[in-house]
Amino acid sequence: NNEDKTEGARFKNVFGTYLHGSFLPKNAHFADLLIKLALEKRYGETIELEKLDDELEFNVHVALINKPY
């Protein structure tokens, strides 16, 4: 929303958001969370994903957040 720049909701493992455009490629950290949750559900244990170099993805994410309307 334009007031506090947040949106979406989560209840357990259900996520709601305004999916306009390419949401997951622009939010690599969220894509990683979905992968982690799916693996934990499948294997029934806590999963730690190997850290990848997401610098480029993070820079795009920040640029999009700061993009004027």
PDB file of N, CA and C in Angstrom:
ATOM      1  N   ASN A   1       0.837  -1.182   0.000  1.00  0.00           N
ATOM      2  CA  ASN A   1       0.000   0.000   0.000  1.00  0.00           C
ATOM      3  C   ASN A   1       0.878   1.240   0.000  1.00  0.00           C
ATOM      4  N   ASN A   2       0.330   2.361  -0.311  1.00  0.00           N
ATOM      5  CA  ASN A   2       1.130   3.586  -0.416  1.00  0.00           C
ATOM      6  C   ASN A   2       1.379   4.259   0.927  1.00  0.00           C
ATOM      7  N   GLU A   3       0.761   3.776   2.000  1.00  0.00           N
ATOM      8  CA  GLU A   3       0.969   4.404   3.305  1.00  0.00           C
ATOM      9  C   GLU A   3       2.234   3.897   3.992  1.00  0.00           C
ATOM     10  N   ASP A   4       2.345   2.595   4.188  1.00  0.00           N
ATOM     11  CA  ASP A   4       3.523   2.077   4.889  1.00  0.00           C
ATOM     12  C   ASP A   4       4.385   1.170   4.008  1.00  0.00           C
ATOM     13  N   LYS A   5       4.058   1.103   2.719  1.00  0.00           N
ATOM     14  CA  LYS A   5       4.835   0.340   1.722  1.00  0.00           C
ATOM     15  C   LYS A   5       4.863  -1.157   2.027  1.00  0.00           C
ATOM     16  N   THR A   6       3.829  -1.678   2.693  1.00  0.00           N
ATOM     17  CA  THR A   6       3.739  -3.111   2.938  1.00  0.00           C
ATOM     18  C   THR A   6       2.447  -3.631   2.330  1.00  0.00           C
ATOM     19  N   GLU A   7       2.380  -4.919   2.153  1.00  0.00           N
ATOM     20  CA  GLU A   7       1.165  -5.545   1.674  1.00  0.00           C
ATOM     21  C   GLU A   7       1.307  -7.037   1.816  1.00  0.00           C
ATOM     22  N   GLY A   8       0.211  -7.731   1.705  1.00  0.00           N
ATOM     23  CA  GLY A   8       0.232  -9.170   1.775  1.00  0.00           C
ATOM     24  C   GLY A   8      -0.140  -9.682   3.148  1.00  0.00           C
ATOM     25  N   ALA A   9      -0.311 -10.990   3.221  1.00  0.00           N
ATOM     26  CA  ALA A   9      -0.673 -11.631   4.473  1.00  0.00           C
ATOM     27  C   ALA A   9      -0.152 -13.058   4.464  1.00  0.00           C
ATOM     28  N   ARG A  10       0.029 -13.611   5.674  1.00  0.00           N
ATOM     29  CA  ARG A  10       0.442 -15.007   5.810  1.00  0.00           C
ATOM     30  C   ARG A  10      -0.372 -15.644   6.924  1.00  0.00           C
ATOM     31  N   PHE A  11      -0.896 -16.827   6.647  1.00  0.00           N
ATOM     32  CA  PHE A  11      -1.529 -17.651   7.655  1.00  0.00           C
ATOM     33  C   PHE A  11      -0.972 -19.050   7.470  1.00  0.00           C
ATOM     34  N   LYS A  12      -0.207 -19.521   8.470  1.00  0.00           N
ATOM     35  CA  LYS A  12       0.519 -20.791   8.377  1.00  0.00           C
ATOM     36  C   LYS A  12       1.390 -20.750   7.122  1.00  0.00           C
ATOM     37  N   ASN A  13       1.151 -21.622   6.149  1.00  0.00           N
ATOM     38  CA  ASN A  13       1.963 -21.610   4.923  1.00  0.00           C
ATOM     39  C   ASN A  13       1.173 -21.156   3.717  1.00  0.00           C
ATOM     40  N   VAL A  14       0.201 -20.276   3.951  1.00  0.00           N
ATOM     41  CA  VAL A  14      -0.555 -19.674   2.859  1.00  0.00           C
ATOM     42  C   VAL A  14      -0.175 -18.203   2.794  1.00  0.00           C
ATOM     43  N   PHE A  15       0.260 -17.768   1.627  1.00  0.00           N
ATOM     44  CA  PHE A  15       0.692 -16.389   1.444  1.00  0.00           C
ATOM     45  C   PHE A  15      -0.261 -15.698   0.485  1.00  0.00           C
ATOM     46  N   GLY A  16      -0.650 -14.493   0.821  1.00  0.00           N
ATOM     47  CA  GLY A  16      -1.497 -13.703  -0.057  1.00  0.00           C
ATOM     48  C   GLY A  16      -0.798 -12.404  -0.398  1.00  0.00           C
ATOM     49  N   THR A  17      -0.775 -12.066  -1.658  1.00  0.00           N
ATOM     50  CA  THR A  17      -0.159 -10.822  -2.089  1.00  0.00           C
ATOM     51  C   THR A  17      -0.774 -10.426  -3.419  1.00  0.00           C
ATOM     52  N   TYR A  18      -0.540  -9.220  -3.811  1.00  0.00           N
ATOM     53  CA  TYR A  18      -0.981  -8.742  -5.108  1.00  0.00           C
ATOM     54  C   TYR A  18       0.084  -9.152  -6.111  1.00  0.00           C
ATOM     55  N   LEU A  19      -0.122 -10.282  -6.757  1.00  0.00           N
ATOM     56  CA  LEU A  19       0.876 -10.840  -7.665  1.00  0.00           C
ATOM     57  C   LEU A  19       0.753 -10.210  -9.044  1.00  0.00           C
ATOM     58  N   HIS A  20       1.278  -9.025  -9.173  1.00  0.00           N
ATOM     59  CA  HIS A  20       1.250  -8.310 -10.436  1.00  0.00           C
ATOM     60  C   HIS A  20       2.664  -8.323 -10.996  1.00  0.00           C
ATOM     61  N   GLY A  21       2.843  -9.007 -12.098  1.00  0.00           N
ATOM     62  CA  GLY A  21       4.165  -9.072 -12.694  1.00  0.00           C
ATOM     63  C   GLY A  21       4.953 -10.259 -12.165  1.00  0.00           C
ATOM     64  N   SER A  22       6.245 -10.178 -12.282  1.00  0.00           N
ATOM     65  CA  SER A  22       7.129 -11.293 -11.916  1.00  0.00           C
ATOM     66  C   SER A  22       7.551 -11.162 -10.455  1.00  0.00           C
ATOM     67  N   PHE A  23       6.703 -11.618  -9.556  1.00  0.00           N
ATOM     68  CA  PHE A  23       6.941 -11.450  -8.120  1.00  0.00           C
ATOM     69  C   PHE A  23       8.169 -12.217  -7.623  1.00  0.00           C
ATOM     70  N   LEU A  24       8.267 -13.505  -7.927  1.00  0.00           N
ATOM     71  CA  LEU A  24       9.361 -14.307  -7.376  1.00  0.00           C
ATOM     72  C   LEU A  24      10.738 -13.896  -7.887  1.00  0.00           C
ATOM     73  N   PRO A  25      10.933 -13.637  -9.179  1.00  0.00           N
ATOM     74  CA  PRO A  25      12.263 -13.190  -9.606  1.00  0.00           C
ATOM     75  C   PRO A  25      12.691 -11.862  -8.979  1.00  0.00           C
ATOM     76  N   LYS A  26      11.732 -11.039  -8.621  1.00  0.00           N
ATOM     77  CA  LYS A  26      12.061  -9.748  -8.007  1.00  0.00           C
ATOM     78  C   LYS A  26      12.229  -9.846  -6.498  1.00  0.00           C
ATOM     79  N   ASN A  27      11.948 -11.004  -5.932  1.00  0.00           N
ATOM     80  CA  ASN A  27      12.014 -11.209  -4.486  1.00  0.00           C
ATOM     81  C   ASN A  27      12.671 -12.554  -4.192  1.00  0.00           C
ATOM     82  N   ALA A  28      13.976 -12.636  -4.470  1.00  0.00           N
ATOM     83  CA  ALA A  28      14.704 -13.900  -4.321  1.00  0.00           C
ATOM     84  C   ALA A  28      14.625 -14.424  -2.891  1.00  0.00           C
ATOM     85  N   HIS A  29      14.611 -13.537  -1.905  1.00  0.00           N
ATOM     86  CA  HIS A  29      14.543 -13.980  -0.518  1.00  0.00           C
ATOM     87  C   HIS A  29      13.210 -14.682  -0.238  1.00  0.00           C
ATOM     88  N   PHE A  30      12.130 -14.231  -0.866  1.00  0.00           N
ATOM     89  CA  PHE A  30      10.836 -14.879  -0.687  1.00  0.00           C
ATOM     90  C   PHE A  30      10.803 -16.227  -1.407  1.00  0.00           C
ATOM     91  N   ALA A  31      11.396 -16.291  -2.579  1.00  0.00           N
ATOM     92  CA  ALA A  31      11.479 -17.565  -3.302  1.00  0.00           C
ATOM     93  C   ALA A  31      12.254 -18.582  -2.463  1.00  0.00           C
ATOM     94  N   ASP A  32      13.337 -18.147  -1.828  1.00  0.00           N
ATOM     95  CA  ASP A  32      14.114 -19.028  -0.957  1.00  0.00           C
ATOM     96  C   ASP A  32      13.268 -19.514   0.222  1.00  0.00           C
ATOM     97  N   LEU A  33      12.461 -18.629   0.795  1.00  0.00           N
ATOM     98  CA  LEU A  33      11.593 -19.015   1.904  1.00  0.00           C
ATOM     99  C   LEU A  33      10.600 -20.086   1.465  1.00  0.00           C
ATOM    100  N   LEU A  34       9.994 -19.921   0.296  1.00  0.00           N
ATOM    101  CA  LEU A  34       9.045 -20.918  -0.197  1.00  0.00           C
ATOM    102  C   LEU A  34       9.719 -22.275  -0.408  1.00  0.00           C
ATOM    103  N   ILE A  35      10.921 -22.273  -0.949  1.00  0.00           N
ATOM    104  CA  ILE A  35      11.667 -23.518  -1.154  1.00  0.00           C
ATOM    105  C   ILE A  35      11.965 -24.173   0.188  1.00  0.00           C
ATOM    106  N   LYS A  36      12.417 -23.380   1.156  1.00  0.00           N
ATOM    107  CA  LYS A  36      12.736 -23.888   2.491  1.00  0.00           C
ATOM    108  C   LYS A  36      11.501 -24.507   3.143  1.00  0.00           C
ATOM    109  N   LEU A  37      10.371 -23.814   3.097  1.00  0.00           N
ATOM    110  CA  LEU A  37       9.145 -24.335   3.700  1.00  0.00           C
ATOM    111  C   LEU A  37       8.682 -25.623   3.029  1.00  0.00           C
ATOM    112  N   ALA A  38       8.798 -25.685   1.710  1.00  0.00           N
ATOM    113  CA  ALA A  38       8.395 -26.893   0.990  1.00  0.00           C
ATOM    114  C   ALA A  38       9.285 -28.078   1.373  1.00  0.00           C
ATOM    115  N   LEU A  39      10.583 -27.854   1.475  1.00  0.00           N
ATOM    116  CA  LEU A  39      11.500 -28.927   1.856  1.00  0.00           C
ATOM    117  C   LEU A  39      11.254 -29.382   3.291  1.00  0.00           C
ATOM    118  N   GLU A  40      10.992 -28.439   4.183  1.00  0.00           N
ATOM    119  CA  GLU A  40      10.721 -28.796   5.570  1.00  0.00           C
ATOM    120  C   GLU A  40       9.437 -29.614   5.684  1.00  0.00           C
ATOM    121  N   LYS A  41       8.436 -29.246   4.912  1.00  0.00           N
ATOM    122  CA  LYS A  41       7.186 -30.013   4.926  1.00  0.00           C
ATOM    123  C   LYS A  41       7.419 -31.416   4.371  1.00  0.00           C
ATOM    124  N   ARG A  42       8.179 -31.512   3.316  1.00  0.00           N
ATOM    125  CA  ARG A  42       8.438 -32.810   2.669  1.00  0.00           C
ATOM    126  C   ARG A  42       9.236 -33.743   3.566  1.00  0.00           C
ATOM    127  N   TYR A  43      10.290 -33.204   4.222  1.00  0.00           N
ATOM    128  CA  TYR A  43      11.200 -34.063   4.978  1.00  0.00           C
ATOM    129  C   TYR A  43      10.955 -34.035   6.486  1.00  0.00           C
ATOM    130  N   GLY A  44      10.083 -33.152   6.973  1.00  0.00           N
ATOM    131  CA  GLY A  44       9.736 -33.128   8.386  1.00  0.00           C
ATOM    132  C   GLY A  44      10.852 -32.724   9.311  1.00  0.00           C
ATOM    133  N   GLU A  45      11.762 -31.923   8.822  1.00  0.00           N
ATOM    134  CA  GLU A  45      12.867 -31.438   9.655  1.00  0.00           C
ATOM    135  C   GLU A  45      13.267 -30.040   9.214  1.00  0.00           C
ATOM    136  N   THR A  46      13.979 -29.351  10.092  1.00  0.00           N
ATOM    137  CA  THR A  46      14.437 -28.001   9.771  1.00  0.00           C
ATOM    138  C   THR A  46      15.491 -28.073   8.674  1.00  0.00           C
ATOM    139  N   ILE A  47      15.337 -27.243   7.681  1.00  0.00           N
ATOM    140  CA  ILE A  47      16.251 -27.207   6.534  1.00  0.00           C
ATOM    141  C   ILE A  47      16.956 -25.857   6.515  1.00  0.00           C
ATOM    142  N   GLU A  48      18.248 -25.891   6.323  1.00  0.00           N
ATOM    143  CA  GLU A  48      19.026 -24.669   6.115  1.00  0.00           C
ATOM    144  C   GLU A  48      19.550 -24.698   4.690  1.00  0.00           C
ATOM    145  N   LEU A  49      19.113 -23.754   3.896  1.00  0.00           N
ATOM    146  CA  LEU A  49      19.566 -23.693   2.513  1.00  0.00           C
ATOM    147  C   LEU A  49      20.986 -23.138   2.440  1.00  0.00           C
ATOM    148  N   GLU A  50      21.733 -23.634   1.490  1.00  0.00           N
ATOM    149  CA  GLU A  50      23.076 -23.108   1.259  1.00  0.00           C
ATOM    150  C   GLU A  50      22.950 -21.669   0.773  1.00  0.00           C
ATOM    151  N   LYS A  51      23.733 -20.789   1.334  1.00  0.00           N
ATOM    152  CA  LYS A  51      23.701 -19.386   0.947  1.00  0.00           C
ATOM    153  C   LYS A  51      24.266 -19.231  -0.459  1.00  0.00           C
ATOM    154  N   LEU A  52      23.536 -18.530  -1.292  1.00  0.00           N
ATOM    155  CA  LEU A  52      23.984 -18.222  -2.642  1.00  0.00           C
ATOM    156  C   LEU A  52      24.274 -16.735  -2.734  1.00  0.00           C
ATOM    157  N   ASP A  53      25.026 -16.348  -3.727  1.00  0.00           N
ATOM    158  CA  ASP A  53      25.310 -14.931  -3.933  1.00  0.00           C
ATOM    159  C   ASP A  53      24.095 -14.283  -4.599  1.00  0.00           C
ATOM    160  N   ASP A  54      23.265 -13.640  -3.798  1.00  0.00           N
ATOM    161  CA  ASP A  54      22.060 -12.982  -4.288  1.00  0.00           C
ATOM    162  C   ASP A  54      22.235 -11.470  -4.409  1.00  0.00           C
ATOM    163  N   GLU A  55      23.478 -11.012  -4.513  1.00  0.00           N
ATOM    164  CA  GLU A  55      23.726  -9.569  -4.543  1.00  0.00           C
ATOM    165  C   GLU A  55      22.980  -8.888  -5.691  1.00  0.00           C
ATOM    166  N   LEU A  56      23.044  -9.451  -6.878  1.00  0.00           N
ATOM    167  CA  LEU A  56      22.374  -8.849  -8.026  1.00  0.00           C
ATOM    168  C   LEU A  56      20.863  -8.804  -7.794  1.00  0.00           C
ATOM    169  N   GLU A  57      20.295  -9.925  -7.344  1.00  0.00           N
ATOM    170  CA  GLU A  57      18.856  -9.979  -7.092  1.00  0.00           C
ATOM    171  C   GLU A  57      18.444  -8.987  -6.006  1.00  0.00           C
ATOM    172  N   PHE A  58      19.252  -8.889  -4.949  1.00  0.00           N
ATOM    173  CA  PHE A  58      18.936  -7.966  -3.869  1.00  0.00           C
ATOM    174  C   PHE A  58      19.000  -6.517  -4.353  1.00  0.00           C
ATOM    175  N   ASN A  59      19.996  -6.195  -5.170  1.00  0.00           N
ATOM    176  CA  ASN A  59      20.109  -4.833  -5.698  1.00  0.00           C
ATOM    177  C   ASN A  59      18.901  -4.471  -6.560  1.00  0.00           C
ATOM    178  N   VAL A  60      18.417  -5.428  -7.354  1.00  0.00           N
ATOM    179  CA  VAL A  60      17.216  -5.191  -8.164  1.00  0.00           C
ATOM    180  C   VAL A  60      16.013  -4.979  -7.246  1.00  0.00           C
ATOM    181  N   HIS A  61      15.905  -5.798  -6.208  1.00  0.00           N
ATOM    182  CA  HIS A  61      14.807  -5.675  -5.247  1.00  0.00           C
ATOM    183  C   HIS A  61      14.790  -4.282  -4.618  1.00  0.00           C
ATOM    184  N   VAL A  62      15.934  -3.826  -4.153  1.00  0.00           N
ATOM    185  CA  VAL A  62      16.032  -2.498  -3.523  1.00  0.00           C
ATOM    186  C   VAL A  62      15.697  -1.402  -4.530  1.00  0.00           C
ATOM    187  N   ALA A  63      16.195  -1.537  -5.750  1.00  0.00           N
ATOM    188  CA  ALA A  63      15.908  -0.531  -6.781  1.00  0.00           C
ATOM    189  C   ALA A  63      14.411  -0.457  -7.058  1.00  0.00           C
ATOM    190  N   LEU A  64      13.742  -1.598  -7.080  1.00  0.00           N
ATOM    191  CA  LEU A  64      12.298  -1.616  -7.340  1.00  0.00           C
ATOM    192  C   LEU A  64      11.515  -1.006  -6.180  1.00  0.00           C
ATOM    193  N   ILE A  65      11.971  -1.266  -4.950  1.00  0.00           N
ATOM    194  CA  ILE A  65      11.303  -0.682  -3.784  1.00  0.00           C
ATOM    195  C   ILE A  65      11.413   0.837  -3.821  1.00  0.00           C
ATOM    196  N   ASN A  66      12.565   1.333  -4.243  1.00  0.00           N
ATOM    197  CA  ASN A  66      12.803   2.778  -4.243  1.00  0.00           C
ATOM    198  C   ASN A  66      12.358   3.476  -5.522  1.00  0.00           C
ATOM    199  N   LYS A  67      11.797   2.713  -6.448  1.00  0.00           N
ATOM    200  CA  LYS A  67      11.345   3.295  -7.721  1.00  0.00           C
ATOM    201  C   LYS A  67      10.148   4.226  -7.474  1.00  0.00           C
ATOM    202  N   PRO A  68      10.212   5.432  -7.985  1.00  0.00           N
ATOM    203  CA  PRO A  68       9.087   6.333  -7.801  1.00  0.00           C
ATOM    204  C   PRO A  68       7.859   5.836  -8.583  1.00  0.00           C
ATOM    205  N   TYR A  69       6.708   6.131  -8.074  1.00  0.00           N
ATOM    206  CA  TYR A  69       5.455   5.688  -8.713  1.00  0.00           C
ATOM    207  C   TYR A  69       5.160   6.504  -9.929  1.00  0.00           C
TER     208      TYR A  69
END
